[in-house]
PDB file of N, CA and C in Angstrom:
ATOM      1  N   MET A   1     -40.249  40.237 -93.954  1.00  0.00           N
ATOM      2  CA  MET A   1     -41.117  40.149 -92.788  1.00  0.00           C
ATOM      3  C   MET A   1     -42.507  39.934 -93.345  1.00  0.00           C
ATOM      4  N   SER A   2     -43.156  38.978 -92.769  1.00  0.00           N
ATOM      5  CA  SER A   2     -44.467  38.631 -93.274  1.00  0.00           C
ATOM      6  C   SER A   2     -45.537  39.765 -92.847  1.00  0.00           C
ATOM      7  N   HIS A   3     -46.626  39.760 -93.484  1.00  0.00           N
ATOM      8  CA  HIS A   3     -47.634  40.784 -93.172  1.00  0.00           C
ATOM      9  C   HIS A   3     -48.056  40.678 -91.645  1.00  0.00           C
ATOM     10  N   ASP A   4     -48.278  39.442 -91.188  1.00  0.00           N
ATOM     11  CA  ASP A   4     -48.720  39.251 -89.810  1.00  0.00           C
ATOM     12  C   ASP A   4     -47.704  39.706 -88.850  1.00  0.00           C
ATOM     13  N   VAL A   5     -46.492  39.434 -89.065  1.00  0.00           N
ATOM     14  CA  VAL A   5     -45.362  39.864 -88.234  1.00  0.00           C
ATOM     15  C   VAL A   5     -45.281  41.378 -88.268  1.00  0.00           C
ATOM     16  N   ALA A   6     -45.359  41.986 -89.363  1.00  0.00           N
ATOM     17  CA  ALA A   6     -45.312  43.453 -89.511  1.00  0.00           C
ATOM     18  C   ALA A   6     -46.405  44.116 -88.731  1.00  0.00           C
ATOM     19  N   VAL A   7     -47.620  43.556 -88.838  1.00  0.00           N
ATOM     20  CA  VAL A   7     -48.760  44.112 -88.091  1.00  0.00           C
ATOM     21  C   VAL A   7     -48.498  43.973 -86.523  1.00  0.00           C
ATOM     22  N   ALA A   8     -48.013  42.768 -86.133  1.00  0.00           N
ATOM     23  CA  ALA A   8     -47.779  42.589 -84.722  1.00  0.00           C
ATOM     24  C   ALA A   8     -46.639  43.621 -84.232  1.00  0.00           C
ATOM     25  N   GLU A   9     -45.557  43.749 -84.977  1.00  0.00           N
ATOM     26  CA  GLU A   9     -44.536  44.749 -84.599  1.00  0.00           C
ATOM     27  C   GLU A   9     -45.104  46.122 -84.544  1.00  0.00           C
ATOM     28  N   THR A  10     -45.890  46.542 -85.521  1.00  0.00           N
ATOM     29  CA  THR A  10     -46.452  47.907 -85.561  1.00  0.00           C
ATOM     30  C   THR A  10     -47.340  48.128 -84.350  1.00  0.00           C
ATOM     31  N   THR A  11     -48.205  47.100 -84.042  1.00  0.00           N
ATOM     32  CA  THR A  11     -49.050  47.164 -82.891  1.00  0.00           C
ATOM     33  C   THR A  11     -48.271  47.294 -81.567  1.00  0.00           C
ATOM     34  N   LYS A  12     -47.254  46.432 -81.407  1.00  0.00           N
ATOM     35  CA  LYS A  12     -46.435  46.511 -80.191  1.00  0.00           C
ATOM     36  C   LYS A  12     -45.768  47.814 -80.082  1.00  0.00           C
ATOM     37  N   ASN A  13     -45.147  48.383 -81.173  1.00  0.00           N
ATOM     38  CA  ASN A  13     -44.407  49.568 -81.145  1.00  0.00           C
ATOM     39  C   ASN A  13     -45.303  50.756 -80.866  1.00  0.00           C
ATOM     40  N   SER A  14     -46.583  50.640 -81.302  1.00  0.00           N
ATOM     41  CA  SER A  14     -47.489  51.815 -81.023  1.00  0.00           C
ATOM     42  C   SER A  14     -47.919  51.790 -79.666  1.00  0.00           C
ATOM     43  N   MET A  15     -48.046  50.610 -79.032  1.00  0.00           N
ATOM     44  CA  MET A  15     -48.508  50.488 -77.666  1.00  0.00           C
ATOM     45  C   MET A  15     -47.329  50.865 -76.655  1.00  0.00           C
ATOM     46  N   PHE A  16     -46.091  50.560 -77.023  1.00  0.00           N
ATOM     47  CA  PHE A  16     -44.895  50.800 -76.195  1.00  0.00           C
ATOM     48  C   PHE A  16     -43.843  51.550 -77.033  1.00  0.00           C
ATOM     49  N   PRO A  17     -44.074  52.849 -77.315  1.00  0.00           N
ATOM     50  CA  PRO A  17     -43.236  53.547 -78.271  1.00  0.00           C
ATOM     51  C   PRO A  17     -41.804  53.771 -77.790  1.00  0.00           C
ATOM     52  N   ALA A  18     -41.557  53.691 -76.547  1.00  0.00           N
ATOM     53  CA  ALA A  18     -40.132  53.896 -76.081  1.00  0.00           C
ATOM     54  C   ALA A  18     -39.368  52.678 -75.915  1.00  0.00           C
ATOM     55  N   THR A  19     -39.893  51.526 -76.231  1.00  0.00           N
ATOM     56  CA  THR A  19     -39.152  50.265 -76.040  1.00  0.00           C
ATOM     57  C   THR A  19     -37.844  50.235 -76.864  1.00  0.00           C
ATOM     58  N   ALA A  20     -37.884  50.556 -78.105  1.00  0.00           N
ATOM     59  CA  ALA A  20     -36.724  50.557 -78.891  1.00  0.00           C
ATOM     60  C   ALA A  20     -35.657  51.428 -78.349  1.00  0.00           C
ATOM     61  N   LEU A  21     -36.019  52.639 -77.875  1.00  0.00           N
ATOM     62  CA  LEU A  21     -35.094  53.597 -77.290  1.00  0.00           C
ATOM     63  C   LEU A  21     -34.452  53.027 -76.045  1.00  0.00           C
ATOM     64  N   MET A  22     -35.319  52.350 -75.203  1.00  0.00           N
ATOM     65  CA  MET A  22     -34.798  51.804 -73.961  1.00  0.00           C
ATOM     66  C   MET A  22     -33.736  50.750 -74.260  1.00  0.00           C
ATOM     67  N   TYR A  23     -34.040  49.892 -75.216  1.00  0.00           N
ATOM     68  CA  TYR A  23     -33.019  48.873 -75.533  1.00  0.00           C
ATOM     69  C   TYR A  23     -31.728  49.477 -76.040  1.00  0.00           C
ATOM     70  N   TRP A  24     -31.875  50.555 -76.919  1.00  0.00           N
ATOM     71  CA  TRP A  24     -30.715  51.214 -77.449  1.00  0.00           C
ATOM     72  C   TRP A  24     -29.846  51.830 -76.299  1.00  0.00           C
ATOM     73  N   LEU A  25     -30.535  52.540 -75.376  1.00  0.00           N
ATOM     74  CA  LEU A  25     -29.865  53.163 -74.303  1.00  0.00           C
ATOM     75  C   LEU A  25     -29.164  52.135 -73.389  1.00  0.00           C
ATOM     76  N   GLY A  26     -29.786  51.049 -73.143  1.00  0.00           N
ATOM     77  CA  GLY A  26     -29.186  50.041 -72.341  1.00  0.00           C
ATOM     78  C   GLY A  26     -27.936  49.476 -73.051  1.00  0.00           C
ATOM     79  N   THR A  27     -28.031  49.193 -74.303  1.00  0.00           N
ATOM     80  CA  THR A  27     -26.918  48.680 -75.052  1.00  0.00           C
ATOM     81  C   THR A  27     -25.812  49.663 -75.087  1.00  0.00           C
ATOM     82  N   GLN A  28     -26.092  50.931 -75.362  1.00  0.00           N
ATOM     83  CA  GLN A  28     -25.108  51.942 -75.390  1.00  0.00           C
ATOM     84  C   GLN A  28     -24.380  52.133 -74.035  1.00  0.00           C
ATOM     85  N   THR A  29     -25.153  52.023 -72.976  1.00  0.00           N
ATOM     86  CA  THR A  29     -24.632  52.184 -71.637  1.00  0.00           C
ATOM     87  C   THR A  29     -23.636  50.998 -71.340  1.00  0.00           C
ATOM     88  N   ILE A  30     -23.967  49.887 -71.721  1.00  0.00           N
ATOM     89  CA  ILE A  30     -23.102  48.680 -71.598  1.00  0.00           C
ATOM     90  C   ILE A  30     -21.811  48.928 -72.356  1.00  0.00           C
ATOM     91  N   ARG A  31     -21.946  49.354 -73.650  1.00  0.00           N
ATOM     92  CA  ARG A  31     -20.698  49.585 -74.428  1.00  0.00           C
ATOM     93  C   ARG A  31     -19.864  50.726 -73.808  1.00  0.00           C
ATOM     94  N   ASP A  32     -20.520  51.721 -73.301  1.00  0.00           N
ATOM     95  CA  ASP A  32     -19.742  52.871 -72.661  1.00  0.00           C
ATOM     96  C   ASP A  32     -19.052  52.377 -71.410  1.00  0.00           C
ATOM     97  N   LEU A  33     -19.704  51.458 -70.620  1.00  0.00           N
ATOM     98  CA  LEU A  33     -19.117  50.929 -69.370  1.00  0.00           C
ATOM     99  C   LEU A  33     -17.946  50.076 -69.767  1.00  0.00           C
ATOM    100  N   ARG A  34     -18.088  49.258 -70.804  1.00  0.00           N
ATOM    101  CA  ARG A  34     -17.020  48.404 -71.190  1.00  0.00           C
ATOM    102  C   ARG A  34     -15.771  49.243 -71.635  1.00  0.00           C
ATOM    103  N   ALA A  35     -16.050  50.276 -72.388  1.00  0.00           N
ATOM    104  CA  ALA A  35     -14.937  51.169 -72.858  1.00  0.00           C
ATOM    105  C   ALA A  35     -14.283  51.825 -71.632  1.00  0.00           C
ATOM    106  N   GLN A  36     -15.078  52.266 -70.706  1.00  0.00           N
ATOM    107  CA  GLN A  36     -14.503  52.961 -69.504  1.00  0.00           C
ATOM    108  C   GLN A  36     -13.651  51.996 -68.718  1.00  0.00           C
ATOM    109  N   LEU A  37     -14.171  50.808 -68.499  1.00  0.00           N
ATOM    110  CA  LEU A  37     -13.363  49.840 -67.737  1.00  0.00           C
ATOM    111  C   LEU A  37     -12.108  49.410 -68.452  1.00  0.00           C
ATOM    112  N   ARG A  38     -12.174  49.224 -69.738  1.00  0.00           N
ATOM    113  CA  ARG A  38     -11.116  48.910 -70.580  1.00  0.00           C
ATOM    114  C   ARG A  38      -9.967  49.933 -70.493  1.00  0.00           C
ATOM    115  N   SER A  39     -10.385  51.209 -70.481  1.00  0.00           N
ATOM    116  CA  SER A  39      -9.454  52.336 -70.463  1.00  0.00           C
ATOM    117  C   SER A  39      -8.836  52.591 -69.131  1.00  0.00           C
ATOM    118  N   THR A  40      -9.526  52.205 -68.128  1.00  0.00           N
ATOM    119  CA  THR A  40      -9.017  52.490 -66.750  1.00  0.00           C
ATOM    120  C   THR A  40      -8.270  51.275 -66.089  1.00  0.00           C
ATOM    121  N   ARG A  41      -8.341  50.136 -66.762  1.00  0.00           N
ATOM    122  CA  ARG A  41      -7.716  48.969 -66.224  1.00  0.00           C
ATOM    123  C   ARG A  41      -6.610  48.544 -67.232  1.00  0.00           C
ATOM    124  N   SER A  42      -5.547  47.905 -66.701  1.00  0.00           N
ATOM    125  CA  SER A  42      -4.540  47.357 -67.492  1.00  0.00           C
ATOM    126  C   SER A  42      -5.042  46.172 -68.347  1.00  0.00           C
ATOM    127  N   ASP A  43      -4.249  45.801 -69.307  1.00  0.00           N
ATOM    128  CA  ASP A  43      -4.618  44.630 -70.126  1.00  0.00           C
ATOM    129  C   ASP A  43      -4.745  43.353 -69.231  1.00  0.00           C
ATOM    130  N   ALA A  44      -3.889  43.329 -68.218  1.00  0.00           N
ATOM    131  CA  ALA A  44      -3.917  42.155 -67.297  1.00  0.00           C
ATOM    132  C   ALA A  44      -5.217  42.139 -66.447  1.00  0.00           C
ATOM    133  N   GLU A  45      -5.720  43.324 -66.175  1.00  0.00           N
ATOM    134  CA  GLU A  45      -6.841  43.472 -65.296  1.00  0.00           C
ATOM    135  C   GLU A  45      -8.230  43.345 -66.056  1.00  0.00           C
ATOM    136  N   PHE A  46      -8.146  43.715 -67.349  1.00  0.00           N
ATOM    137  CA  PHE A  46      -9.423  43.699 -68.102  1.00  0.00           C
ATOM    138  C   PHE A  46      -9.497  42.439 -68.958  1.00  0.00           C
ATOM    139  N   SER A  47     -10.637  41.762 -68.825  1.00  0.00           N
ATOM    140  CA  SER A  47     -10.969  40.642 -69.682  1.00  0.00           C
ATOM    141  C   SER A  47     -12.380  40.744 -70.159  1.00  0.00           C
ATOM    142  N   LEU A  48     -12.622  40.622 -71.494  1.00  0.00           N
ATOM    143  CA  LEU A  48     -13.952  40.757 -71.963  1.00  0.00           C
ATOM    144  C   LEU A  48     -14.892  39.693 -71.353  1.00  0.00           C
ATOM    145  N   LYS A  49     -14.355  38.525 -71.205  1.00  0.00           N
ATOM    146  CA  LYS A  49     -15.127  37.386 -70.496  1.00  0.00           C
ATOM    147  C   LYS A  49     -15.504  37.814 -69.108  1.00  0.00           C
ATOM    148  N   ALA A  50     -14.544  38.229 -68.355  1.00  0.00           N
ATOM    149  CA  ALA A  50     -14.752  38.700 -66.960  1.00  0.00           C
ATOM    150  C   ALA A  50     -15.739  39.847 -66.864  1.00  0.00           C
ATOM    151  N   PHE A  51     -15.627  40.737 -67.837  1.00  0.00           N
ATOM    152  CA  PHE A  51     -16.530  41.952 -67.906  1.00  0.00           C
ATOM    153  C   PHE A  51     -17.949  41.401 -68.012  1.00  0.00           C
ATOM    154  N   HIS A  52     -18.177  40.509 -69.001  1.00  0.00           N
ATOM    155  CA  HIS A  52     -19.537  40.010 -69.257  1.00  0.00           C
ATOM    156  C   HIS A  52     -20.014  39.157 -68.110  1.00  0.00           C
ATOM    157  N   ASP A  53     -19.132  38.375 -67.514  1.00  0.00           N
ATOM    158  CA  ASP A  53     -19.562  37.519 -66.404  1.00  0.00           C
ATOM    159  C   ASP A  53     -19.982  38.399 -65.253  1.00  0.00           C
ATOM    160  N   GLU A  54     -19.217  39.440 -64.961  1.00  0.00           N
ATOM    161  CA  GLU A  54     -19.612  40.365 -63.838  1.00  0.00           C
ATOM    162  C   GLU A  54     -20.889  41.094 -64.111  1.00  0.00           C
ATOM    163  N   LEU A  55     -21.005  41.624 -65.383  1.00  0.00           N
ATOM    164  CA  LEU A  55     -22.255  42.286 -65.786  1.00  0.00           C
ATOM    165  C   LEU A  55     -23.460  41.382 -65.672  1.00  0.00           C
ATOM    166  N   LEU A  56     -23.379  40.236 -66.161  1.00  0.00           N
ATOM    167  CA  LEU A  56     -24.578  39.278 -66.104  1.00  0.00           C
ATOM    168  C   LEU A  56     -24.818  38.751 -64.739  1.00  0.00           C
ATOM    169  N   SER A  57     -23.817  38.723 -63.874  1.00  0.00           N
ATOM    170  CA  SER A  57     -24.024  38.208 -62.541  1.00  0.00           C
ATOM    171  C   SER A  57     -24.894  39.061 -61.655  1.00  0.00           C
ATOM    172  N   ARG A  58     -25.061  40.357 -62.156  1.00  0.00           N
ATOM    173  CA  ARG A  58     -25.897  41.270 -61.389  1.00  0.00           C
ATOM    174  C   ARG A  58     -27.397  41.047 -61.576  1.00  0.00           C
ATOM    175  N   GLY A  59     -27.724  40.212 -62.532  1.00  0.00           N
ATOM    176  CA  GLY A  59     -29.160  39.910 -62.771  1.00  0.00           C
ATOM    177  C   GLY A  59     -29.831  41.074 -63.547  1.00  0.00           C
ATOM    178  N   ALA A  60     -31.081  41.070 -63.376  1.00  0.00           N
ATOM    179  CA  ALA A  60     -32.009  42.008 -64.145  1.00  0.00           C
ATOM    180  C   ALA A  60     -32.287  43.307 -63.356  1.00  0.00           C
ATOM    181  N   ILE A  61     -31.188  44.046 -63.140  1.00  0.00           N
ATOM    182  CA  ILE A  61     -31.344  45.343 -62.558  1.00  0.00           C
ATOM    183  C   ILE A  61     -30.925  46.408 -63.620  1.00  0.00           C
ATOM    184  N   PRO A  62     -31.285  47.651 -63.421  1.00  0.00           N
ATOM    185  CA  PRO A  62     -31.075  48.667 -64.415  1.00  0.00           C
ATOM    186  C   PRO A  62     -29.481  48.785 -64.704  1.00  0.00           C
ATOM    187  N   VAL A  63     -29.180  48.983 -65.980  1.00  0.00           N
ATOM    188  CA  VAL A  63     -27.827  49.042 -66.388  1.00  0.00           C
ATOM    189  C   VAL A  63     -27.040  50.147 -65.711  1.00  0.00           C
ATOM    190  N   PRO A  64     -27.649  51.350 -65.538  1.00  0.00           N
ATOM    191  CA  PRO A  64     -26.870  52.372 -64.746  1.00  0.00           C
ATOM    192  C   PRO A  64     -26.477  51.944 -63.323  1.00  0.00           C
ATOM    193  N   LEU A  65     -27.379  51.171 -62.705  1.00  0.00           N
ATOM    194  CA  LEU A  65     -27.000  50.668 -61.378  1.00  0.00           C
ATOM    195  C   LEU A  65     -25.857  49.658 -61.467  1.00  0.00           C
ATOM    196  N   VAL A  66     -25.910  48.808 -62.464  1.00  0.00           N
ATOM    197  CA  VAL A  66     -24.843  47.836 -62.637  1.00  0.00           C
ATOM    198  C   VAL A  66     -23.528  48.584 -62.905  1.00  0.00           C
ATOM    199  N   ALA A  67     -23.579  49.588 -63.721  1.00  0.00           N
ATOM    200  CA  ALA A  67     -22.393  50.465 -64.063  1.00  0.00           C
ATOM    201  C   ALA A  67     -21.801  51.034 -62.783  1.00  0.00           C
ATOM    202  N   ARG A  68     -22.660  51.559 -61.870  1.00  0.00           N
ATOM    203  CA  ARG A  68     -22.199  52.144 -60.623  1.00  0.00           C
ATOM    204  C   ARG A  68     -21.547  51.123 -59.764  1.00  0.00           C
ATOM    205  N   LEU A  69     -22.157  49.880 -59.693  1.00  0.00           N
ATOM    206  CA  LEU A  69     -21.617  48.778 -58.865  1.00  0.00           C
ATOM    207  C   LEU A  69     -20.237  48.322 -59.406  1.00  0.00           C
ATOM    208  N   MET A  70     -20.156  48.307 -60.751  1.00  0.00           N
ATOM    209  CA  MET A  70     -18.877  47.757 -61.371  1.00  0.00           C
ATOM    210  C   MET A  70     -17.791  48.835 -61.370  1.00  0.00           C
ATOM    211  N   THR A  71     -18.095  50.096 -61.206  1.00  0.00           N
ATOM    212  CA  THR A  71     -17.104  51.080 -61.204  1.00  0.00           C
ATOM    213  C   THR A  71     -16.674  51.591 -59.805  1.00  0.00           C
ATOM    214  N   THR A  72     -17.392  51.160 -58.790  1.00  0.00           N
ATOM    215  CA  THR A  72     -17.111  51.490 -57.443  1.00  0.00           C
ATOM    216  C   THR A  72     -16.490  50.333 -56.715  1.00  0.00           C
ATOM    217  N   ARG A  73     -15.211  50.468 -56.486  1.00  0.00           N
ATOM    218  CA  ARG A  73     -14.483  49.343 -55.835  1.00  0.00           C
ATOM    219  C   ARG A  73     -13.795  49.788 -54.596  1.00  0.00           C
TER     220      ARG A  73
END
């Protein structure tokens, strides 16, 4: 990483210290949701492509809300 990029990253992370944590929590919630749906649905019912299509079709809303919508049928 160049010096300028390192300075920019340091500045951004000092201004918004919880950003990395928020990204990690969102990613982990998606992984947990995927595991939950994979375990509660049969192989015929669960498709990784369909999971991602449904997840992304919800747009830019909080992942916990997407999880609630995807698990309530």
